[in-house]
Amino acid sequence: MEQIPDAENSAVTEPTLALTGLGKTSTRRRTVLRGVAFSSLTLGATALSWSPLAGQRAARAENGPNGLKGWDRNDCKDAYPSGYAEEKDTGGAYRNEPGACFGGDFMGSMYCASGWHRKGTVRDAPIITTYTPISSACGSSSTKNAWKWKVGNKVWRCSDGNTRVSGGGSSRTYLTICRAPV
Protein backbone atom coordinates (compact mmCIF):
# COMPACT_ATOMS: atom_id res chain seq x y z
CA MET A 1 0.00 0.00 0.00
CA GLU A 2 2.93 2.31 0.62
CA GLN A 3 3.95 2.06 -3.07
CA ILE A 4 0.62 3.45 -4.34
CA PRO A 5 0.70 7.25 -4.20
CA ASP A 6 -2.12 9.06 -2.49
CA ALA A 7 -4.18 11.02 -5.06
CA GLU A 8 -4.59 13.98 -2.73
CA ASN A 9 -0.90 14.30 -1.99
CA SER A 10 0.51 13.41 -5.45
CA ALA A 11 2.12 15.94 -7.69
CA VAL A 12 0.19 17.63 -10.51
CA THR A 13 0.42 15.54 -13.65
CA GLU A 14 0.65 16.69 -17.25
CA PRO A 15 -1.60 15.33 -20.01
CA THR A 16 -0.02 12.65 -22.15
CA LEU A 17 1.53 13.60 -25.48
CA ALA A 18 0.77 10.24 -27.13
CA LEU A 19 -1.70 11.60 -29.70
CA THR A 20 -0.06 14.96 -30.38
CA GLY A 21 1.06 13.81 -33.84
CA LEU A 22 -2.57 13.76 -35.00
CA GLY A 23 -2.76 17.53 -35.27
CA LYS A 24 -5.26 19.99 -33.88
CA THR A 25 -8.28 17.72 -34.38
CA SER A 26 -7.00 15.06 -32.04
CA THR A 27 -8.79 11.74 -32.12
CA ARG A 28 -10.76 11.00 -29.02
CA ARG A 29 -10.55 7.69 -27.22
CA ARG A 30 -14.20 6.91 -28.06
CA THR A 31 -13.53 7.34 -31.77
CA VAL A 32 -10.62 4.93 -31.60
CA LEU A 33 -12.67 2.41 -29.60
CA ARG A 34 -15.58 2.79 -32.04
CA GLY A 35 -13.20 2.00 -34.92
CA VAL A 36 -11.87 -1.07 -33.10
CA ALA A 37 -15.43 -2.28 -32.36
CA PHE A 38 -16.54 -1.73 -35.97
CA SER A 39 -13.49 -3.60 -37.27
CA SER A 40 -14.23 -6.50 -34.90
CA LEU A 41 -17.85 -6.69 -36.06
CA THR A 42 -16.76 -6.66 -39.70
CA LEU A 43 -14.21 -9.39 -39.10
CA GLY A 44 -16.78 -11.50 -37.21
CA ALA A 45 -19.42 -11.12 -39.95
CA THR A 46 -16.87 -12.05 -42.60
CA ALA A 47 -15.81 -15.14 -40.65
CA LEU A 48 -19.46 -16.20 -40.29
CA SER A 49 -20.04 -15.82 -44.03
CA TRP A 50 -17.26 -18.35 -44.65
CA SER A 51 -19.09 -20.98 -42.60
CA PRO A 52 -20.65 -23.86 -44.56
CA LEU A 53 -23.87 -23.18 -42.63
CA ALA A 54 -24.14 -19.64 -44.01
CA GLY A 55 -25.63 -20.84 -47.31
CA GLN A 56 -28.35 -22.93 -45.66
CA ARG A 57 -31.65 -21.31 -44.86
CA ALA A 58 -34.15 -22.61 -42.40
CA ALA A 59 -37.29 -24.00 -43.96
CA ARG A 60 -39.94 -21.31 -44.19
CA ALA A 61 -43.15 -20.65 -46.00
CA GLU A 62 -42.74 -18.86 -49.30
CA ASN A 63 -45.17 -16.58 -51.04
CA GLY A 64 -45.39 -16.38 -54.82
CA PRO A 65 -45.69 -13.10 -56.71
CA ASN A 66 -49.51 -13.37 -56.60
CA GLY A 67 -49.57 -13.91 -52.81
CA LEU A 68 -50.20 -17.66 -52.99
CA LYS A 69 -48.34 -19.76 -50.43
CA GLY A 70 -45.89 -22.56 -51.12
CA TRP A 71 -44.95 -25.61 -49.03
CA ASP A 72 -42.40 -25.08 -46.29
CA ARG A 73 -40.08 -28.05 -46.72
CA ASN A 74 -37.67 -29.40 -49.35
CA ASP A 75 -38.89 -32.99 -49.12
CA CYS A 76 -42.63 -32.31 -49.54
CA LYS A 77 -43.46 -34.60 -46.60
CA ASP A 78 -45.90 -31.99 -45.33
CA ALA A 79 -47.92 -32.54 -48.52
CA TYR A 80 -47.01 -36.15 -49.36
CA PRO A 81 -45.81 -38.03 -46.22
CA SER A 82 -44.97 -41.12 -48.30
CA GLY A 83 -43.55 -39.14 -51.22
CA TYR A 84 -44.79 -39.35 -54.80
CA ALA A 85 -43.61 -40.76 -58.12
CA GLU A 86 -41.82 -37.87 -59.83
CA GLU A 87 -42.61 -37.40 -63.51
CA LYS A 88 -40.40 -35.92 -66.21
CA ASP A 89 -41.32 -32.54 -67.69
CA THR A 90 -43.37 -32.56 -70.88
CA GLY A 91 -41.34 -29.63 -72.25
CA GLY A 92 -39.18 -26.66 -71.36
CA ALA A 93 -35.62 -26.11 -70.18
CA TYR A 94 -35.51 -29.05 -67.72
CA ARG A 95 -37.08 -31.70 -69.93
CA ASN A 96 -33.90 -33.79 -69.85
CA GLU A 97 -33.47 -33.53 -66.05
CA PRO A 98 -34.70 -36.30 -63.75
CA GLY A 99 -38.39 -35.93 -62.84
CA ALA A 100 -39.31 -33.64 -59.94
CA CYS A 101 -42.98 -32.64 -60.17
CA PHE A 102 -46.11 -34.75 -60.26
CA GLY A 103 -49.71 -34.71 -61.43
CA GLY A 104 -50.11 -32.08 -64.14
CA ASP A 105 -51.43 -32.56 -67.65
CA PHE A 106 -48.33 -30.63 -68.76
CA MET A 107 -45.19 -29.70 -66.80
CA GLY A 108 -42.22 -27.51 -67.59
CA SER A 109 -40.44 -24.19 -67.31
CA MET A 110 -42.62 -22.62 -70.04
CA TYR A 111 -45.41 -22.25 -67.44
CA CYS A 112 -43.16 -20.19 -65.13
CA ALA A 113 -42.61 -16.51 -64.43
CA SER A 114 -40.07 -15.64 -61.72
CA GLY A 115 -39.96 -19.27 -60.55
CA TRP A 116 -43.74 -19.56 -59.94
CA HIS A 117 -46.68 -20.44 -62.20
CA ARG A 118 -47.24 -17.56 -64.56
CA LYS A 119 -50.35 -15.39 -64.60
CA GLY A 120 -51.81 -13.52 -67.55
CA THR A 121 -53.13 -13.84 -71.07
CA VAL A 122 -51.19 -14.27 -74.31
CA ARG A 123 -52.99 -13.52 -77.57
CA ASP A 124 -51.50 -15.21 -80.60
CA ALA A 125 -54.42 -14.96 -83.05
CA PRO A 126 -56.49 -17.00 -83.40
CA ILE A 127 -55.32 -18.70 -80.12
CA ILE A 128 -55.73 -17.09 -76.70
CA THR A 129 -53.85 -18.70 -73.79
CA THR A 130 -54.68 -17.72 -70.20
CA TYR A 131 -52.41 -18.76 -67.30
CA THR A 132 -53.86 -18.80 -63.76
CA PRO A 133 -51.96 -19.94 -60.64
CA ILE A 134 -54.12 -22.02 -58.29
CA SER A 135 -54.00 -23.35 -54.74
CA SER A 136 -55.08 -26.87 -53.97
CA ALA A 137 -54.99 -29.30 -51.07
CA CYS A 138 -52.13 -31.21 -52.71
CA GLY A 139 -52.42 -34.32 -50.55
CA SER A 140 -53.35 -32.58 -47.28
CA SER A 141 -56.04 -30.34 -45.82
CA SER A 142 -53.99 -27.14 -46.26
CA THR A 143 -54.25 -25.33 -49.61
CA LYS A 144 -51.06 -24.03 -51.16
CA ASN A 145 -49.81 -23.24 -54.66
CA ALA A 146 -46.35 -24.78 -54.82
CA TRP A 147 -44.16 -27.42 -53.24
CA LYS A 148 -40.42 -28.01 -53.19
CA TRP A 149 -38.85 -31.34 -53.98
CA LYS A 150 -35.23 -32.40 -53.76
CA VAL A 151 -33.92 -34.63 -56.55
CA GLY A 152 -30.25 -35.54 -56.12
CA ASN A 153 -28.51 -32.31 -55.09
CA LYS A 154 -31.07 -29.97 -56.68
CA VAL A 155 -34.19 -28.47 -55.13
CA TRP A 156 -37.09 -27.65 -57.46
CA ARG A 157 -40.30 -25.66 -56.99
CA CYS A 158 -43.39 -27.18 -58.60
CA SER A 159 -46.05 -24.47 -58.81
CA ASP A 160 -49.63 -25.38 -59.83
CA GLY A 161 -51.85 -23.55 -62.27
CA ASN A 162 -54.48 -23.84 -64.96
CA THR A 163 -53.77 -23.03 -68.58
CA ARG A 164 -56.82 -22.31 -70.70
CA VAL A 165 -56.38 -22.45 -74.48
CA SER A 166 -59.15 -20.85 -76.54
CA GLY A 167 -59.61 -20.50 -80.27
CA GLY A 168 -61.96 -21.30 -83.12
CA GLY A 169 -65.00 -21.12 -80.86
CA SER A 170 -63.85 -23.70 -78.32
CA SER A 171 -61.63 -23.78 -75.27
CA ARG A 172 -59.94 -26.31 -73.04
CA THR A 173 -58.38 -25.95 -69.57
CA TYR A 174 -55.36 -28.01 -68.46
CA LEU A 175 -53.68 -28.51 -65.09
CA THR A 176 -50.14 -27.22 -65.70
CA ILE A 177 -47.16 -27.18 -63.41
CA CYS A 178 -44.26 -24.74 -63.50
CA ARG A 179 -40.95 -26.40 -62.63
CA ALA A 180 -38.23 -24.01 -61.52
CA PRO A 181 -34.94 -24.39 -59.62
CA VAL A 182 -34.91 -23.02 -56.07
C-alpha atoms as a PDB file:
ATOM      1  CA  MET A   1       0.000   0.000   0.000  1.00  0.00           C
ATOM      2  CA  GLU A   2       2.925   2.308   0.616  1.00  0.00           C
ATOM      3  CA  GLN A   3       3.946   2.056  -3.070  1.00  0.00           C
ATOM      4  CA  ILE A   4       0.617   3.454  -4.336  1.00  0.00           C
ATOM      5  CA  PRO A   5       0.698   7.246  -4.200  1.00  0.00           C
ATOM      6  CA  ASP A   6      -2.117   9.060  -2.492  1.00  0.00           C
ATOM      7  CA  ALA A   7      -4.183  11.022  -5.062  1.00  0.00           C
ATOM      8  CA  GLU A   8      -4.588  13.977  -2.726  1.00  0.00           C
ATOM      9  CA  ASN A   9      -0.903  14.297  -1.991  1.00  0.00           C
ATOM     10  CA  SER A  10       0.511  13.412  -5.448  1.00  0.00           C
ATOM     11  CA  ALA A  11       2.124  15.941  -7.694  1.00  0.00           C
ATOM     12  CA  VAL A  12       0.187  17.631 -10.506  1.00  0.00           C
ATOM     13  CA  THR A  13       0.419  15.544 -13.653  1.00  0.00           C
ATOM     14  CA  GLU A  14       0.654  16.695 -17.248  1.00  0.00           C
ATOM     15  CA  PRO A  15      -1.601  15.330 -20.011  1.00  0.00           C
ATOM     16  CA  THR A  16      -0.024  12.651 -22.152  1.00  0.00           C
ATOM     17  CA  LEU A  17       1.534  13.601 -25.481  1.00  0.00           C
ATOM     18  CA  ALA A  18       0.771  10.238 -27.128  1.00  0.00           C
ATOM     19  CA  LEU A  19      -1.701  11.599 -29.698  1.00  0.00           C
ATOM     20  CA  THR A  20      -0.063  14.956 -30.379  1.00  0.00           C
ATOM     21  CA  GLY A  21       1.064  13.806 -33.835  1.00  0.00           C
ATOM     22  CA  LEU A  22      -2.569  13.756 -35.000  1.00  0.00           C
ATOM     23  CA  GLY A  23      -2.759  17.532 -35.266  1.00  0.00           C
ATOM     24  CA  LYS A  24      -5.256  19.992 -33.884  1.00  0.00           C
ATOM     25  CA  THR A  25      -8.284  17.721 -34.381  1.00  0.00           C
ATOM     26  CA  SER A  26      -6.999  15.061 -32.043  1.00  0.00           C
ATOM     27  CA  THR A  27      -8.789  11.737 -32.123  1.00  0.00           C
ATOM     28  CA  ARG A  28     -10.762  10.996 -29.020  1.00  0.00           C
ATOM     29  CA  ARG A  29     -10.546   7.693 -27.218  1.00  0.00           C
ATOM     30  CA  ARG A  30     -14.203   6.905 -28.061  1.00  0.00           C
ATOM     31  CA  THR A  31     -13.531   7.338 -31.771  1.00  0.00           C
ATOM     32  CA  VAL A  32     -10.618   4.927 -31.597  1.00  0.00           C
ATOM     33  CA  LEU A  33     -12.673   2.411 -29.601  1.00  0.00           C
ATOM     34  CA  ARG A  34     -15.578   2.788 -32.043  1.00  0.00           C
ATOM     35  CA  GLY A  35     -13.203   1.997 -34.924  1.00  0.00           C
ATOM     36  CA  VAL A  36     -11.874  -1.073 -33.104  1.00  0.00           C
ATOM     37  CA  ALA A  37     -15.428  -2.276 -32.362  1.00  0.00           C
ATOM     38  CA  PHE A  38     -16.544  -1.727 -35.970  1.00  0.00           C
ATOM     39  CA  SER A  39     -13.494  -3.597 -37.269  1.00  0.00           C
ATOM     40  CA  SER A  40     -14.229  -6.496 -34.898  1.00  0.00           C
ATOM     41  CA  LEU A  41     -17.845  -6.692 -36.058  1.00  0.00           C
ATOM     42  CA  THR A  42     -16.757  -6.655 -39.701  1.00  0.00           C
ATOM     43  CA  LEU A  43     -14.212  -9.394 -39.103  1.00  0.00           C
ATOM     44  CA  GLY A  44     -16.781 -11.498 -37.207  1.00  0.00           C
ATOM     45  CA  ALA A  45     -19.421 -11.119 -39.949  1.00  0.00           C
ATOM     46  CA  THR A  46     -16.870 -12.051 -42.596  1.00  0.00           C
ATOM     47  CA  ALA A  47     -15.807 -15.143 -40.655  1.00  0.00           C
ATOM     48  CA  LEU A  48     -19.459 -16.203 -40.291  1.00  0.00           C
ATOM     49  CA  SER A  49     -20.044 -15.820 -44.026  1.00  0.00           C
ATOM     50  CA  TRP A  50     -17.257 -18.352 -44.649  1.00  0.00           C
ATOM     51  CA  SER A  51     -19.090 -20.975 -42.600  1.00  0.00           C
ATOM     52  CA  PRO A  52     -20.653 -23.864 -44.559  1.00  0.00           C
ATOM     53  CA  LEU A  53     -23.874 -23.179 -42.626  1.00  0.00           C
ATOM     54  CA  ALA A  54     -24.136 -19.636 -44.014  1.00  0.00           C
ATOM     55  CA  GLY A  55     -25.633 -20.842 -47.312  1.00  0.00           C
ATOM     56  CA  GLN A  56     -28.349 -22.930 -45.658  1.00  0.00           C
ATOM     57  CA  ARG A  57     -31.646 -21.307 -44.856  1.00  0.00           C
ATOM     58  CA  ALA A  58     -34.150 -22.610 -42.399  1.00  0.00           C
ATOM     59  CA  ALA A  59     -37.289 -24.000 -43.963  1.00  0.00           C
ATOM     60  CA  ARG A  60     -39.941 -21.306 -44.195  1.00  0.00           C
ATOM     61  CA  ALA A  61     -43.147 -20.648 -46.002  1.00  0.00           C
ATOM     62  CA  GLU A  62     -42.740 -18.856 -49.301  1.00  0.00           C
ATOM     63  CA  ASN A  63     -45.166 -16.577 -51.043  1.00  0.00           C
ATOM     64  CA  GLY A  64     -45.387 -16.382 -54.816  1.00  0.00           C
ATOM     65  CA  PRO A  65     -45.692 -13.099 -56.711  1.00  0.00           C
ATOM     66  CA  ASN A  66     -49.509 -13.372 -56.597  1.00  0.00           C
ATOM     67  CA  GLY A  67     -49.574 -13.911 -52.814  1.00  0.00           C
ATOM     68  CA  LEU A  68     -50.198 -17.663 -52.992  1.00  0.00           C
ATOM     69  CA  LYS A  69     -48.337 -19.759 -50.432  1.00  0.00           C
ATOM     70  CA  GLY A  70     -45.886 -22.565 -51.121  1.00  0.00           C
ATOM     71  CA  TRP A  71     -44.952 -25.610 -49.035  1.00  0.00           C
ATOM     72  CA  ASP A  72     -42.397 -25.077 -46.294  1.00  0.00           C
ATOM     73  CA  ARG A  73     -40.078 -28.051 -46.718  1.00  0.00           C
ATOM     74  CA  ASN A  74     -37.666 -29.398 -49.355  1.00  0.00           C
ATOM     75  CA  ASP A  75     -38.891 -32.995 -49.117  1.00  0.00           C
ATOM     76  CA  CYS A  76     -42.629 -32.311 -49.545  1.00  0.00           C
ATOM     77  CA  LYS A  77     -43.455 -34.600 -46.604  1.00  0.00           C
ATOM     78  CA  ASP A  78     -45.898 -31.987 -45.326  1.00  0.00           C
ATOM     79  CA  ALA A  79     -47.918 -32.542 -48.516  1.00  0.00           C
ATOM     80  CA  TYR A  80     -47.007 -36.153 -49.359  1.00  0.00           C
ATOM     81  CA  PRO A  81     -45.811 -38.032 -46.223  1.00  0.00           C
ATOM     82  CA  SER A  82     -44.968 -41.116 -48.297  1.00  0.00           C
ATOM     83  CA  GLY A  83     -43.549 -39.144 -51.218  1.00  0.00           C
ATOM     84  CA  TYR A  84     -44.785 -39.349 -54.801  1.00  0.00           C
ATOM     85  CA  ALA A  85     -43.613 -40.758 -58.123  1.00  0.00           C
ATOM     86  CA  GLU A  86     -41.817 -37.874 -59.827  1.00  0.00           C
ATOM     87  CA  GLU A  87     -42.605 -37.396 -63.507  1.00  0.00           C
ATOM     88  CA  LYS A  88     -40.401 -35.920 -66.210  1.00  0.00           C
ATOM     89  CA  ASP A  89     -41.316 -32.539 -67.692  1.00  0.00           C
ATOM     90  CA  THR A  90     -43.373 -32.561 -70.885  1.00  0.00           C
ATOM     91  CA  GLY A  91     -41.342 -29.630 -72.251  1.00  0.00           C
ATOM     92  CA  GLY A  92     -39.181 -26.658 -71.360  1.00  0.00           C
ATOM     93  CA  ALA A  93     -35.623 -26.113 -70.181  1.00  0.00           C
ATOM     94  CA  TYR A  94     -35.511 -29.046 -67.718  1.00  0.00           C
ATOM     95  CA  ARG A  95     -37.085 -31.703 -69.934  1.00  0.00           C
ATOM     96  CA  ASN A  96     -33.899 -33.795 -69.854  1.00  0.00           C
ATOM     97  CA  GLU A  97     -33.474 -33.528 -66.053  1.00  0.00           C
ATOM     98  CA  PRO A  98     -34.705 -36.302 -63.750  1.00  0.00           C
ATOM     99  CA  GLY A  99     -38.392 -35.926 -62.843  1.00  0.00           C
ATOM    100  CA  ALA A 100     -39.311 -33.644 -59.938  1.00  0.00           C
ATOM    101  CA  CYS A 101     -42.984 -32.644 -60.174  1.00  0.00           C
ATOM    102  CA  PHE A 102     -46.112 -34.748 -60.257  1.00  0.00           C
ATOM    103  CA  GLY A 103     -49.708 -34.705 -61.426  1.00  0.00           C
ATOM    104  CA  GLY A 104     -50.111 -32.083 -64.142  1.00  0.00           C
ATOM    105  CA  ASP A 105     -51.427 -32.556 -67.649  1.00  0.00           C
ATOM    106  CA  PHE A 106     -48.331 -30.627 -68.760  1.00  0.00           C
ATOM    107  CA  MET A 107     -45.190 -29.700 -66.798  1.00  0.00           C
ATOM    108  CA  GLY A 108     -42.221 -27.515 -67.588  1.00  0.00           C
ATOM    109  CA  SER A 109     -40.441 -24.192 -67.311  1.00  0.00           C
ATOM    110  CA  MET A 110     -42.616 -22.619 -70.039  1.00  0.00           C
ATOM    111  CA  TYR A 111     -45.412 -22.253 -67.444  1.00  0.00           C
ATOM    112  CA  CYS A 112     -43.160 -20.187 -65.134  1.00  0.00           C
ATOM    113  CA  ALA A 113     -42.606 -16.508 -64.428  1.00  0.00           C
ATOM    114  CA  SER A 114     -40.068 -15.637 -61.717  1.00  0.00           C
ATOM    115  CA  GLY A 115     -39.963 -19.267 -60.547  1.00  0.00           C
ATOM    116  CA  TRP A 116     -43.741 -19.557 -59.941  1.00  0.00           C
ATOM    117  CA  HIS A 117     -46.682 -20.438 -62.197  1.00  0.00           C
ATOM    118  CA  ARG A 118     -47.242 -17.560 -64.558  1.00  0.00           C
ATOM    119  CA  LYS A 119     -50.350 -15.387 -64.598  1.00  0.00           C
ATOM    120  CA  GLY A 120     -51.807 -13.515 -67.550  1.00  0.00           C
ATOM    121  CA  THR A 121     -53.127 -13.839 -71.067  1.00  0.00           C
ATOM    122  CA  VAL A 122     -51.193 -14.273 -74.306  1.00  0.00           C
ATOM    123  CA  ARG A 123     -52.990 -13.516 -77.574  1.00  0.00           C
ATOM    124  CA  ASP A 124     -51.498 -15.214 -80.603  1.00  0.00           C
ATOM    125  CA  ALA A 125     -54.421 -14.957 -83.054  1.00  0.00           C
ATOM    126  CA  PRO A 126     -56.488 -17.003 -83.405  1.00  0.00           C
ATOM    127  CA  ILE A 127     -55.319 -18.696 -80.124  1.00  0.00           C
ATOM    128  CA  ILE A 128     -55.726 -17.087 -76.696  1.00  0.00           C
ATOM    129  CA  THR A 129     -53.853 -18.702 -73.789  1.00  0.00           C
ATOM    130  CA  THR A 130     -54.681 -17.721 -70.201  1.00  0.00           C
ATOM    131  CA  TYR A 131     -52.414 -18.756 -67.304  1.00  0.00           C
ATOM    132  CA  THR A 132     -53.857 -18.798 -63.760  1.00  0.00           C
ATOM    133  CA  PRO A 133     -51.958 -19.940 -60.637  1.00  0.00           C
ATOM    134  CA  ILE A 134     -54.121 -22.021 -58.290  1.00  0.00           C
ATOM    135  CA  SER A 135     -53.997 -23.347 -54.745  1.00  0.00           C
ATOM    136  CA  SER A 136     -55.080 -26.871 -53.971  1.00  0.00           C
ATOM    137  CA  ALA A 137     -54.992 -29.296 -51.072  1.00  0.00           C
ATOM    138  CA  CYS A 138     -52.128 -31.207 -52.711  1.00  0.00           C
ATOM    139  CA  GLY A 139     -52.422 -34.316 -50.554  1.00  0.00           C
ATOM    140  CA  SER A 140     -53.345 -32.578 -47.278  1.00  0.00           C
ATOM    141  CA  SER A 141     -56.040 -30.336 -45.818  1.00  0.00           C
ATOM    142  CA  SER A 142     -53.994 -27.139 -46.259  1.00  0.00           C
ATOM    143  CA  THR A 143     -54.253 -25.333 -49.605  1.00  0.00           C
ATOM    144  CA  LYS A 144     -51.064 -24.027 -51.163  1.00  0.00           C
ATOM    145  CA  ASN A 145     -49.814 -23.239 -54.664  1.00  0.00           C
ATOM    146  CA  ALA A 146     -46.347 -24.780 -54.817  1.00  0.00           C
ATOM    147  CA  TRP A 147     -44.164 -27.415 -53.242  1.00  0.00           C
ATOM    148  CA  LYS A 148     -40.423 -28.007 -53.189  1.00  0.00           C
ATOM    149  CA  TRP A 149     -38.852 -31.338 -53.981  1.00  0.00           C
ATOM    150  CA  LYS A 150     -35.229 -32.402 -53.759  1.00  0.00           C
ATOM    151  CA  VAL A 151     -33.916 -34.625 -56.549  1.00  0.00           C
ATOM    152  CA  GLY A 152     -30.248 -35.535 -56.117  1.00  0.00           C
ATOM    153  CA  ASN A 153     -28.506 -32.307 -55.085  1.00  0.00           C
ATOM    154  CA  LYS A 154     -31.073 -29.974 -56.679  1.00  0.00           C
ATOM    155  CA  VAL A 155     -34.190 -28.470 -55.129  1.00  0.00           C
ATOM    156  CA  TRP A 156     -37.093 -27.649 -57.458  1.00  0.00           C
ATOM    157  CA  ARG A 157     -40.295 -25.658 -56.993  1.00  0.00           C
ATOM    158  CA  CYS A 158     -43.389 -27.178 -58.596  1.00  0.00           C
ATOM    159  CA  SER A 159     -46.051 -24.473 -58.814  1.00  0.00           C
ATOM    160  CA  ASP A 160     -49.630 -25.377 -59.831  1.00  0.00           C
ATOM    161  CA  GLY A 161     -51.849 -23.553 -62.268  1.00  0.00           C
ATOM    162  CA  ASN A 162     -54.475 -23.835 -64.958  1.00  0.00           C
ATOM    163  CA  THR A 163     -53.766 -23.027 -68.579  1.00  0.00           C
ATOM    164  CA  ARG A 164     -56.819 -22.310 -70.704  1.00  0.00           C
ATOM    165  CA  VAL A 165     -56.377 -22.454 -74.479  1.00  0.00           C
ATOM    166  CA  SER A 166     -59.150 -20.846 -76.537  1.00  0.00           C
ATOM    167  CA  GLY A 167     -59.611 -20.498 -80.267  1.00  0.00           C
ATOM    168  CA  GLY A 168     -61.960 -21.302 -83.124  1.00  0.00           C
ATOM    169  CA  GLY A 169     -65.002 -21.121 -80.862  1.00  0.00           C
ATOM    170  CA  SER A 170     -63.851 -23.704 -78.323  1.00  0.00           C
ATOM    171  CA  SER A 171     -61.633 -23.783 -75.267  1.00  0.00           C
ATOM    172  CA  ARG A 172     -59.937 -26.313 -73.039  1.00  0.00           C
ATOM    173  CA  THR A 173     -58.383 -25.951 -69.571  1.00  0.00           C
ATOM    174  CA  TYR A 174     -55.357 -28.012 -68.461  1.00  0.00           C
ATOM    175  CA  LEU A 175     -53.676 -28.506 -65.089  1.00  0.00           C
ATOM    176  CA  THR A 176     -50.143 -27.216 -65.702  1.00  0.00           C
ATOM    177  CA  ILE A 177     -47.160 -27.182 -63.412  1.00  0.00           C
ATOM    178  CA  CYS A 178     -44.263 -24.739 -63.499  1.00  0.00           C
ATOM    179  CA  ARG A 179     -40.949 -26.403 -62.635  1.00  0.00           C
ATOM    180  CA  ALA A 180     -38.232 -24.008 -61.519  1.00  0.00           C
ATOM    181  CA  PRO A 181     -34.944 -24.388 -59.620  1.00  0.00           C
ATOM    182  CA  VAL A 182     -34.915 -23.021 -56.067  1.00  0.00           C
END
